[in-house]
Amino acid sequence: MDILYFAWVRERIGRPRETLDTNAATVAELVEELKSREDRYAAAFSDLSALRVAVNQELTDFDASLEGAREVAFFPPMTGG
């Protein structure tokens, strides 16, 4: 599965994307797996209320299933203007 990081999430983790084999069933489980990898991931995912997530390019919640997911993207909330 491709994991994409945008804006300050990318800056904290230090990479824009990575490919990951995971057994996580939900986005929340994936986040917990990532947080356990290194301190930089733990810092990036320390406040989920400051993050948004998309699975296969569709906005969703952290309790969303990863069944059939090819891509998960994490980014801060966006504003229009």
N, C-alpha and C. Protein backbone atom coordinates (compact mmCIF):
# COMPACT_ATOMS: atom_id res chain seq x y z
N MET A 1 0.85 -1.16 0.00
CA MET A 1 0.00 0.00 0.00
C MET A 1 0.90 1.24 0.00
N ASP A 2 0.53 2.23 -0.77
CA ASP A 2 1.26 3.50 -0.80
C ASP A 2 0.72 4.41 0.30
N ILE A 3 1.62 4.99 1.08
CA ILE A 3 1.26 5.93 2.12
C ILE A 3 1.84 7.29 1.71
N LEU A 4 0.98 8.31 1.62
CA LEU A 4 1.40 9.64 1.20
C LEU A 4 1.28 10.60 2.37
N TYR A 5 2.27 11.50 2.47
CA TYR A 5 2.29 12.50 3.53
C TYR A 5 2.39 13.88 2.90
N PHE A 6 1.56 14.82 3.38
CA PHE A 6 1.54 16.16 2.81
C PHE A 6 1.78 17.22 3.88
N ALA A 7 2.31 18.36 3.45
CA ALA A 7 2.50 19.56 4.29
C ALA A 7 3.36 19.23 5.50
N TRP A 8 2.94 19.68 6.70
CA TRP A 8 3.78 19.48 7.89
C TRP A 8 3.89 18.02 8.28
N VAL A 9 2.97 17.17 7.86
CA VAL A 9 3.09 15.73 8.13
C VAL A 9 4.34 15.20 7.42
N ARG A 10 4.50 15.58 6.17
CA ARG A 10 5.68 15.20 5.38
C ARG A 10 6.95 15.73 6.03
N GLU A 11 6.90 16.97 6.50
CA GLU A 11 8.08 17.57 7.12
C GLU A 11 8.48 16.83 8.40
N ARG A 12 7.52 16.46 9.22
CA ARG A 12 7.83 15.76 10.48
C ARG A 12 8.36 14.35 10.23
N ILE A 13 7.78 13.69 9.23
CA ILE A 13 8.21 12.31 8.95
C ILE A 13 9.49 12.29 8.12
N GLY A 14 9.66 13.30 7.29
CA GLY A 14 10.89 13.39 6.51
C GLY A 14 10.85 12.71 5.16
N ARG A 15 9.66 12.40 4.70
CA ARG A 15 9.51 11.80 3.37
C ARG A 15 8.10 12.07 2.85
N PRO A 16 7.96 12.15 1.53
CA PRO A 16 6.63 12.42 0.97
C PRO A 16 5.75 11.18 0.82
N ARG A 17 6.39 10.00 0.74
CA ARG A 17 5.62 8.77 0.52
C ARG A 17 6.46 7.57 0.87
N GLU A 18 5.79 6.46 1.05
CA GLU A 18 6.46 5.18 1.24
C GLU A 18 5.49 4.07 0.89
N THR A 19 6.01 2.90 0.63
CA THR A 19 5.19 1.73 0.37
C THR A 19 5.32 0.82 1.59
N LEU A 20 4.19 0.34 2.06
CA LEU A 20 4.17 -0.41 3.32
C LEU A 20 3.29 -1.64 3.18
N ASP A 21 3.79 -2.77 3.66
CA ASP A 21 2.97 -3.96 3.81
C ASP A 21 2.42 -3.93 5.23
N THR A 22 1.12 -4.02 5.36
CA THR A 22 0.50 -3.92 6.68
C THR A 22 -0.64 -4.90 6.81
N ASN A 23 -0.90 -5.30 8.04
CA ASN A 23 -2.06 -6.12 8.35
C ASN A 23 -3.15 -5.30 9.00
N ALA A 24 -2.98 -3.97 9.05
CA ALA A 24 -3.96 -3.08 9.66
C ALA A 24 -5.30 -3.20 8.93
N ALA A 25 -6.37 -3.29 9.71
CA ALA A 25 -7.71 -3.41 9.12
C ALA A 25 -8.36 -2.05 8.93
N THR A 26 -7.92 -1.05 9.70
CA THR A 26 -8.50 0.29 9.63
C THR A 26 -7.39 1.33 9.56
N VAL A 27 -7.77 2.54 9.22
CA VAL A 27 -6.80 3.64 9.21
C VAL A 27 -6.22 3.83 10.61
N ALA A 28 -7.05 3.75 11.64
CA ALA A 28 -6.58 3.92 13.01
C ALA A 28 -5.52 2.89 13.37
N GLU A 29 -5.71 1.65 12.96
CA GLU A 29 -4.71 0.61 13.21
C GLU A 29 -3.42 0.91 12.45
N LEU A 30 -3.54 1.42 11.23
CA LEU A 30 -2.36 1.81 10.46
C LEU A 30 -1.61 2.92 11.17
N VAL A 31 -2.33 3.90 11.68
CA VAL A 31 -1.70 5.01 12.41
C VAL A 31 -0.93 4.47 13.62
N GLU A 32 -1.53 3.55 14.37
CA GLU A 32 -0.85 2.98 15.54
C GLU A 32 0.41 2.24 15.12
N GLU A 33 0.34 1.53 14.01
CA GLU A 33 1.52 0.83 13.49
C GLU A 33 2.62 1.83 13.12
N LEU A 34 2.24 2.89 12.44
CA LEU A 34 3.22 3.91 12.05
C LEU A 34 3.83 4.59 13.28
N LYS A 35 3.00 4.93 14.25
CA LYS A 35 3.48 5.61 15.46
C LYS A 35 4.51 4.77 16.20
N SER A 36 4.37 3.46 16.14
CA SER A 36 5.29 2.59 16.86
C SER A 36 6.64 2.42 16.14
N ARG A 37 6.74 2.90 14.92
CA ARG A 37 7.97 2.72 14.14
C ARG A 37 9.12 3.57 14.65
N GLU A 38 8.87 4.87 14.79
CA GLU A 38 9.92 5.81 15.17
C GLU A 38 9.28 7.04 15.81
N ASP A 39 10.10 7.79 16.52
CA ASP A 39 9.61 9.01 17.18
C ASP A 39 9.04 10.02 16.20
N ARG A 40 9.62 10.10 15.01
CA ARG A 40 9.13 11.10 14.04
C ARG A 40 7.69 10.78 13.60
N TYR A 41 7.35 9.52 13.50
CA TYR A 41 5.97 9.13 13.18
C TYR A 41 5.05 9.43 14.37
N ALA A 42 5.53 9.10 15.57
CA ALA A 42 4.75 9.38 16.77
C ALA A 42 4.45 10.87 16.87
N ALA A 43 5.41 11.72 16.54
CA ALA A 43 5.20 13.17 16.58
C ALA A 43 4.19 13.60 15.53
N ALA A 44 4.29 13.06 14.33
CA ALA A 44 3.39 13.45 13.24
C ALA A 44 1.94 13.04 13.53
N PHE A 45 1.75 11.93 14.23
CA PHE A 45 0.41 11.41 14.49
C PHE A 45 -0.03 11.60 15.94
N SER A 46 0.60 12.52 16.65
CA SER A 46 0.29 12.71 18.07
C SER A 46 -1.09 13.32 18.30
N ASP A 47 -1.60 14.09 17.35
CA ASP A 47 -2.91 14.74 17.51
C ASP A 47 -3.74 14.50 16.24
N LEU A 48 -4.51 13.44 16.26
CA LEU A 48 -5.29 13.08 15.06
C LEU A 48 -6.36 14.10 14.72
N SER A 49 -6.75 14.93 15.68
CA SER A 49 -7.74 15.97 15.37
C SER A 49 -7.16 17.03 14.43
N ALA A 50 -5.84 17.06 14.30
CA ALA A 50 -5.18 18.01 13.42
C ALA A 50 -4.87 17.40 12.06
N LEU A 51 -5.40 16.21 11.80
CA LEU A 51 -5.12 15.51 10.55
C LEU A 51 -6.40 15.12 9.83
N ARG A 52 -6.28 14.99 8.54
CA ARG A 52 -7.33 14.43 7.70
C ARG A 52 -6.71 13.25 6.97
N VAL A 53 -7.58 12.36 6.50
CA VAL A 53 -7.09 11.16 5.82
C VAL A 53 -7.96 10.88 4.60
N ALA A 54 -7.33 10.36 3.57
CA ALA A 54 -8.04 9.91 2.38
C ALA A 54 -7.57 8.50 2.05
N VAL A 55 -8.51 7.64 1.72
CA VAL A 55 -8.21 6.28 1.29
C VAL A 55 -8.63 6.18 -0.16
N ASN A 56 -7.68 5.78 -1.00
CA ASN A 56 -7.93 5.72 -2.45
C ASN A 56 -8.50 7.03 -2.97
N GLN A 57 -7.95 8.14 -2.48
CA GLN A 57 -8.28 9.50 -2.90
C GLN A 57 -9.69 9.96 -2.53
N GLU A 58 -10.29 9.31 -1.51
CA GLU A 58 -11.58 9.74 -1.00
C GLU A 58 -11.44 10.07 0.48
N LEU A 59 -11.88 11.28 0.87
CA LEU A 59 -11.82 11.66 2.27
C LEU A 59 -12.62 10.69 3.12
N THR A 60 -12.07 10.35 4.27
CA THR A 60 -12.74 9.39 5.14
C THR A 60 -12.33 9.66 6.58
N ASP A 61 -12.79 8.80 7.48
CA ASP A 61 -12.47 8.91 8.90
C ASP A 61 -11.39 7.89 9.26
N PHE A 62 -10.85 8.05 10.46
CA PHE A 62 -9.80 7.15 10.90
C PHE A 62 -10.31 5.75 11.21
N ASP A 63 -11.61 5.57 11.35
CA ASP A 63 -12.15 4.23 11.58
C ASP A 63 -12.49 3.51 10.27
N ALA A 64 -12.12 4.12 9.15
CA ALA A 64 -12.42 3.54 7.84
C ALA A 64 -11.62 2.25 7.61
N SER A 65 -12.25 1.34 6.91
CA SER A 65 -11.61 0.07 6.56
C SER A 65 -10.52 0.28 5.51
N LEU A 66 -9.49 -0.54 5.59
CA LEU A 66 -8.43 -0.51 4.59
C LEU A 66 -8.57 -1.65 3.58
N GLU A 67 -9.67 -2.38 3.66
CA GLU A 67 -9.88 -3.48 2.72
C GLU A 67 -9.88 -2.94 1.29
N GLY A 68 -9.02 -3.48 0.46
CA GLY A 68 -8.91 -3.06 -0.93
C GLY A 68 -8.18 -1.74 -1.14
N ALA A 69 -7.64 -1.15 -0.07
CA ALA A 69 -6.96 0.15 -0.19
C ALA A 69 -5.62 -0.01 -0.91
N ARG A 70 -5.38 0.87 -1.83
CA ARG A 70 -4.11 0.93 -2.53
C ARG A 70 -3.28 2.12 -2.07
N GLU A 71 -3.98 3.14 -1.54
CA GLU A 71 -3.31 4.39 -1.17
C GLU A 71 -4.01 5.01 0.04
N VAL A 72 -3.20 5.48 0.98
CA VAL A 72 -3.70 6.24 2.12
C VAL A 72 -2.89 7.52 2.18
N ALA A 73 -3.56 8.65 2.29
CA ALA A 73 -2.89 9.95 2.35
C ALA A 73 -3.26 10.66 3.64
N PHE A 74 -2.24 11.26 4.27
CA PHE A 74 -2.43 12.03 5.50
C PHE A 74 -2.05 13.48 5.24
N PHE A 75 -2.89 14.42 5.72
CA PHE A 75 -2.63 15.84 5.48
C PHE A 75 -3.38 16.67 6.51
N PRO A 76 -2.95 17.91 6.73
CA PRO A 76 -3.67 18.79 7.63
C PRO A 76 -4.97 19.27 6.97
N PRO A 77 -5.91 19.78 7.77
CA PRO A 77 -7.14 20.33 7.18
C PRO A 77 -6.81 21.43 6.19
N MET A 78 -7.60 21.52 5.15
CA MET A 78 -7.38 22.53 4.12
C MET A 78 -8.45 23.59 4.22
N THR A 79 -8.09 24.79 3.85
CA THR A 79 -9.07 25.88 3.80
C THR A 79 -9.11 26.42 2.38
N GLY A 80 -10.23 26.94 2.01
CA GLY A 80 -10.37 27.52 0.68
C GLY A 80 -10.03 29.00 0.70
N GLY A 81 -9.97 29.57 -0.46
CA GLY A 81 -9.69 31.00 -0.46
C GLY A 81 -9.50 31.55 -1.81
